[in-house]
Amino acid sequence: MAKKSKISKSIKLLHKRALLRQSGVTKDNRVSTRGVNRCKITGRPRGYMRFFGLSRLTFRELAVRGELPGVVKASK
């Protein structure tokens, strides 16, 4: 499980980036900070699958249990 401080930091950065996009204000000397995508269930930053919003490990667990609609194994 990810550290709570890292999860809250990434959420705060994503929120800040969204506010800057909405306002449309750009500063000359601004360096954009990159927000980190994290798994919605475990908070894992690596192996993130953007379409599902899950890490590869969580995706596999849910797919094997049949909890992700439309996902089937490639090999039978």
N, C-alpha and C. Protein backbone atom coordinates (compact mmCIF):
# COMPACT_ATOMS: atom_id res chain seq x y z
N MET A 1 0.84 -1.17 0.00
CA MET A 1 0.00 0.00 0.00
C MET A 1 0.89 1.24 0.00
N ALA A 2 0.47 2.26 -0.70
CA ALA A 2 1.26 3.48 -0.82
C ALA A 2 1.16 4.30 0.46
N LYS A 3 2.19 5.12 0.67
CA LYS A 3 2.16 6.00 1.82
C LYS A 3 1.06 7.04 1.66
N LYS A 4 0.38 7.34 2.74
CA LYS A 4 -0.72 8.29 2.67
C LYS A 4 -0.23 9.68 2.27
N SER A 5 1.00 10.03 2.69
CA SER A 5 1.51 11.36 2.37
C SER A 5 1.74 11.49 0.85
N LYS A 6 2.20 10.43 0.20
CA LYS A 6 2.42 10.49 -1.24
C LYS A 6 1.09 10.54 -1.99
N ILE A 7 0.10 9.81 -1.50
CA ILE A 7 -1.21 9.83 -2.14
C ILE A 7 -1.83 11.22 -2.03
N SER A 8 -1.77 11.81 -0.85
CA SER A 8 -2.35 13.14 -0.67
C SER A 8 -1.60 14.18 -1.48
N LYS A 9 -0.28 14.02 -1.61
CA LYS A 9 0.51 14.97 -2.40
C LYS A 9 0.13 14.89 -3.87
N SER A 10 -0.03 13.67 -4.40
CA SER A 10 -0.37 13.55 -5.81
C SER A 10 -1.79 14.06 -6.08
N ILE A 11 -2.71 13.83 -5.13
CA ILE A 11 -4.08 14.34 -5.30
C ILE A 11 -4.07 15.86 -5.29
N LYS A 12 -3.27 16.45 -4.38
CA LYS A 12 -3.19 17.90 -4.30
C LYS A 12 -2.61 18.49 -5.58
N LEU A 13 -1.57 17.84 -6.15
CA LEU A 13 -0.97 18.34 -7.38
C LEU A 13 -1.92 18.21 -8.56
N LEU A 14 -2.67 17.13 -8.64
CA LEU A 14 -3.64 16.98 -9.72
C LEU A 14 -4.74 18.04 -9.61
N HIS A 15 -5.18 18.32 -8.39
CA HIS A 15 -6.21 19.35 -8.16
C HIS A 15 -5.68 20.72 -8.55
N LYS A 16 -4.44 21.00 -8.17
CA LYS A 16 -3.82 22.29 -8.49
C LYS A 16 -3.67 22.47 -9.99
N ARG A 17 -3.28 21.39 -10.68
CA ARG A 17 -3.11 21.44 -12.13
C ARG A 17 -4.46 21.69 -12.80
N ALA A 18 -5.53 21.07 -12.29
CA ALA A 18 -6.86 21.27 -12.87
C ALA A 18 -7.33 22.72 -12.68
N LEU A 19 -7.04 23.29 -11.51
CA LEU A 19 -7.43 24.68 -11.27
C LEU A 19 -6.68 25.63 -12.20
N LEU A 20 -5.41 25.37 -12.44
CA LEU A 20 -4.64 26.22 -13.34
C LEU A 20 -5.18 26.11 -14.77
N ARG A 21 -5.57 24.91 -15.18
CA ARG A 21 -6.13 24.73 -16.51
C ARG A 21 -7.45 25.48 -16.67
N GLN A 22 -8.28 25.46 -15.63
CA GLN A 22 -9.58 26.12 -15.69
C GLN A 22 -9.43 27.64 -15.75
N SER A 23 -8.49 28.18 -14.98
CA SER A 23 -8.33 29.62 -14.93
C SER A 23 -7.75 30.17 -16.23
N GLY A 24 -6.92 29.38 -16.91
CA GLY A 24 -6.33 29.81 -18.17
C GLY A 24 -5.20 30.82 -17.98
N VAL A 25 -4.81 31.08 -16.75
CA VAL A 25 -3.74 32.03 -16.48
C VAL A 25 -2.40 31.32 -16.61
N THR A 26 -1.50 31.89 -17.38
CA THR A 26 -0.16 31.31 -17.51
C THR A 26 0.86 32.33 -17.05
N LYS A 27 1.83 31.88 -16.33
CA LYS A 27 2.91 32.74 -15.90
C LYS A 27 4.14 32.44 -16.75
N ASP A 28 4.99 33.44 -16.94
CA ASP A 28 6.15 33.28 -17.81
C ASP A 28 7.16 32.27 -17.27
N ASN A 29 7.34 32.26 -15.96
CA ASN A 29 8.40 31.46 -15.37
C ASN A 29 7.87 30.22 -14.67
N ARG A 30 6.74 29.69 -15.09
CA ARG A 30 6.11 28.57 -14.38
C ARG A 30 6.65 27.23 -14.89
N VAL A 31 7.00 26.37 -13.95
CA VAL A 31 7.39 25.01 -14.28
C VAL A 31 6.26 24.11 -13.80
N SER A 32 5.68 23.34 -14.74
CA SER A 32 4.55 22.50 -14.34
C SER A 32 5.06 21.28 -13.58
N THR A 33 4.39 20.94 -12.50
CA THR A 33 4.73 19.78 -11.71
C THR A 33 3.86 18.64 -12.16
N ARG A 34 4.46 17.51 -12.35
CA ARG A 34 3.74 16.38 -12.90
C ARG A 34 2.99 15.62 -11.82
N GLY A 35 1.70 15.41 -12.03
CA GLY A 35 0.91 14.61 -11.10
C GLY A 35 1.12 13.14 -11.38
N VAL A 36 1.06 12.31 -10.37
CA VAL A 36 1.31 10.88 -10.53
C VAL A 36 -0.02 10.15 -10.53
N ASN A 37 -0.26 9.34 -11.56
CA ASN A 37 -1.45 8.51 -11.59
C ASN A 37 -1.27 7.36 -10.62
N ARG A 38 -2.31 7.08 -9.83
CA ARG A 38 -2.24 6.00 -8.85
C ARG A 38 -3.47 5.13 -8.95
N CYS A 39 -3.29 3.87 -8.56
CA CYS A 39 -4.40 2.91 -8.55
C CYS A 39 -5.47 3.40 -7.58
N LYS A 40 -6.74 3.30 -8.00
CA LYS A 40 -7.84 3.79 -7.16
C LYS A 40 -8.07 2.92 -5.94
N ILE A 41 -7.65 1.66 -6.00
CA ILE A 41 -7.89 0.75 -4.88
C ILE A 41 -6.69 0.68 -3.94
N THR A 42 -5.50 0.46 -4.48
CA THR A 42 -4.32 0.26 -3.63
C THR A 42 -3.44 1.49 -3.50
N GLY A 43 -3.51 2.42 -4.44
CA GLY A 43 -2.65 3.60 -4.40
C GLY A 43 -1.29 3.36 -5.02
N ARG A 44 -1.09 2.24 -5.68
CA ARG A 44 0.20 1.91 -6.28
C ARG A 44 0.48 2.82 -7.49
N PRO A 45 1.67 3.45 -7.55
CA PRO A 45 1.97 4.36 -8.65
C PRO A 45 2.52 3.66 -9.90
N ARG A 46 3.03 2.47 -9.76
CA ARG A 46 3.65 1.79 -10.90
C ARG A 46 2.68 0.80 -11.54
N GLY A 47 2.85 0.57 -12.83
CA GLY A 47 2.02 -0.38 -13.54
C GLY A 47 0.58 0.09 -13.64
N TYR A 48 0.38 1.38 -13.81
CA TYR A 48 -0.96 1.98 -13.85
C TYR A 48 -1.57 1.81 -15.23
N MET A 49 -2.80 1.33 -15.29
CA MET A 49 -3.53 1.19 -16.55
C MET A 49 -4.56 2.31 -16.62
N ARG A 50 -4.33 3.25 -17.50
CA ARG A 50 -5.12 4.47 -17.54
C ARG A 50 -6.60 4.21 -17.84
N PHE A 51 -6.89 3.28 -18.73
CA PHE A 51 -8.27 3.03 -19.13
C PHE A 51 -9.12 2.57 -17.94
N PHE A 52 -8.53 1.77 -17.05
CA PHE A 52 -9.27 1.24 -15.92
C PHE A 52 -9.01 2.02 -14.63
N GLY A 53 -7.92 2.76 -14.56
CA GLY A 53 -7.58 3.49 -13.34
C GLY A 53 -7.06 2.58 -12.25
N LEU A 54 -6.50 1.43 -12.65
CA LEU A 54 -6.02 0.43 -11.70
C LEU A 54 -4.57 0.07 -12.01
N SER A 55 -3.89 -0.49 -10.99
CA SER A 55 -2.55 -1.02 -11.23
C SER A 55 -2.69 -2.38 -11.89
N ARG A 56 -1.61 -2.87 -12.46
CA ARG A 56 -1.66 -4.16 -13.16
C ARG A 56 -2.01 -5.31 -12.23
N LEU A 57 -1.58 -5.23 -10.98
CA LEU A 57 -1.86 -6.30 -10.03
C LEU A 57 -3.35 -6.33 -9.66
N THR A 58 -3.90 -5.17 -9.37
CA THR A 58 -5.31 -5.10 -9.03
C THR A 58 -6.17 -5.47 -10.23
N PHE A 59 -5.74 -5.01 -11.42
CA PHE A 59 -6.47 -5.35 -12.64
C PHE A 59 -6.54 -6.86 -12.83
N ARG A 60 -5.42 -7.53 -12.63
CA ARG A 60 -5.40 -8.97 -12.82
C ARG A 60 -6.31 -9.70 -11.82
N GLU A 61 -6.24 -9.27 -10.56
CA GLU A 61 -7.08 -9.90 -9.53
C GLU A 61 -8.57 -9.76 -9.88
N LEU A 62 -8.98 -8.56 -10.27
CA LEU A 62 -10.39 -8.33 -10.59
C LEU A 62 -10.81 -9.04 -11.87
N ALA A 63 -9.90 -9.11 -12.85
CA ALA A 63 -10.22 -9.77 -14.11
C ALA A 63 -10.38 -11.28 -13.91
N VAL A 64 -9.54 -11.89 -13.09
CA VAL A 64 -9.63 -13.33 -12.83
C VAL A 64 -10.94 -13.66 -12.12
N ARG A 65 -11.38 -12.78 -11.21
CA ARG A 65 -12.62 -12.99 -10.49
C ARG A 65 -13.85 -12.68 -11.35
N GLY A 66 -13.63 -12.04 -12.52
CA GLY A 66 -14.73 -11.72 -13.42
C GLY A 66 -15.47 -10.46 -13.03
N GLU A 67 -14.82 -9.57 -12.30
CA GLU A 67 -15.48 -8.35 -11.84
C GLU A 67 -15.31 -7.17 -12.79
N LEU A 68 -14.53 -7.36 -13.87
CA LEU A 68 -14.38 -6.31 -14.87
C LEU A 68 -15.15 -6.72 -16.12
N PRO A 69 -16.23 -6.04 -16.44
CA PRO A 69 -17.04 -6.45 -17.57
C PRO A 69 -16.30 -6.26 -18.89
N GLY A 70 -16.40 -7.25 -19.76
CA GLY A 70 -15.81 -7.17 -21.09
C GLY A 70 -14.37 -7.59 -21.16
N VAL A 71 -13.75 -7.96 -20.04
CA VAL A 71 -12.35 -8.38 -20.04
C VAL A 71 -12.31 -9.91 -20.05
N VAL A 72 -11.63 -10.45 -21.07
CA VAL A 72 -11.48 -11.91 -21.19
C VAL A 72 -10.01 -12.23 -21.37
N LYS A 73 -9.63 -13.46 -21.04
CA LYS A 73 -8.26 -13.90 -21.22
C LYS A 73 -7.94 -14.02 -22.71
N ALA A 74 -6.71 -13.72 -23.07
CA ALA A 74 -6.29 -13.83 -24.47
C ALA A 74 -6.08 -15.29 -24.84
N SER A 75 -5.56 -16.08 -23.93
CA SER A 75 -5.35 -17.51 -24.18
C SER A 75 -6.39 -18.29 -23.39
N LYS A 76 -6.84 -19.37 -23.96
CA LYS A 76 -7.90 -20.14 -23.27
C LYS A 76 -7.37 -21.34 -22.62
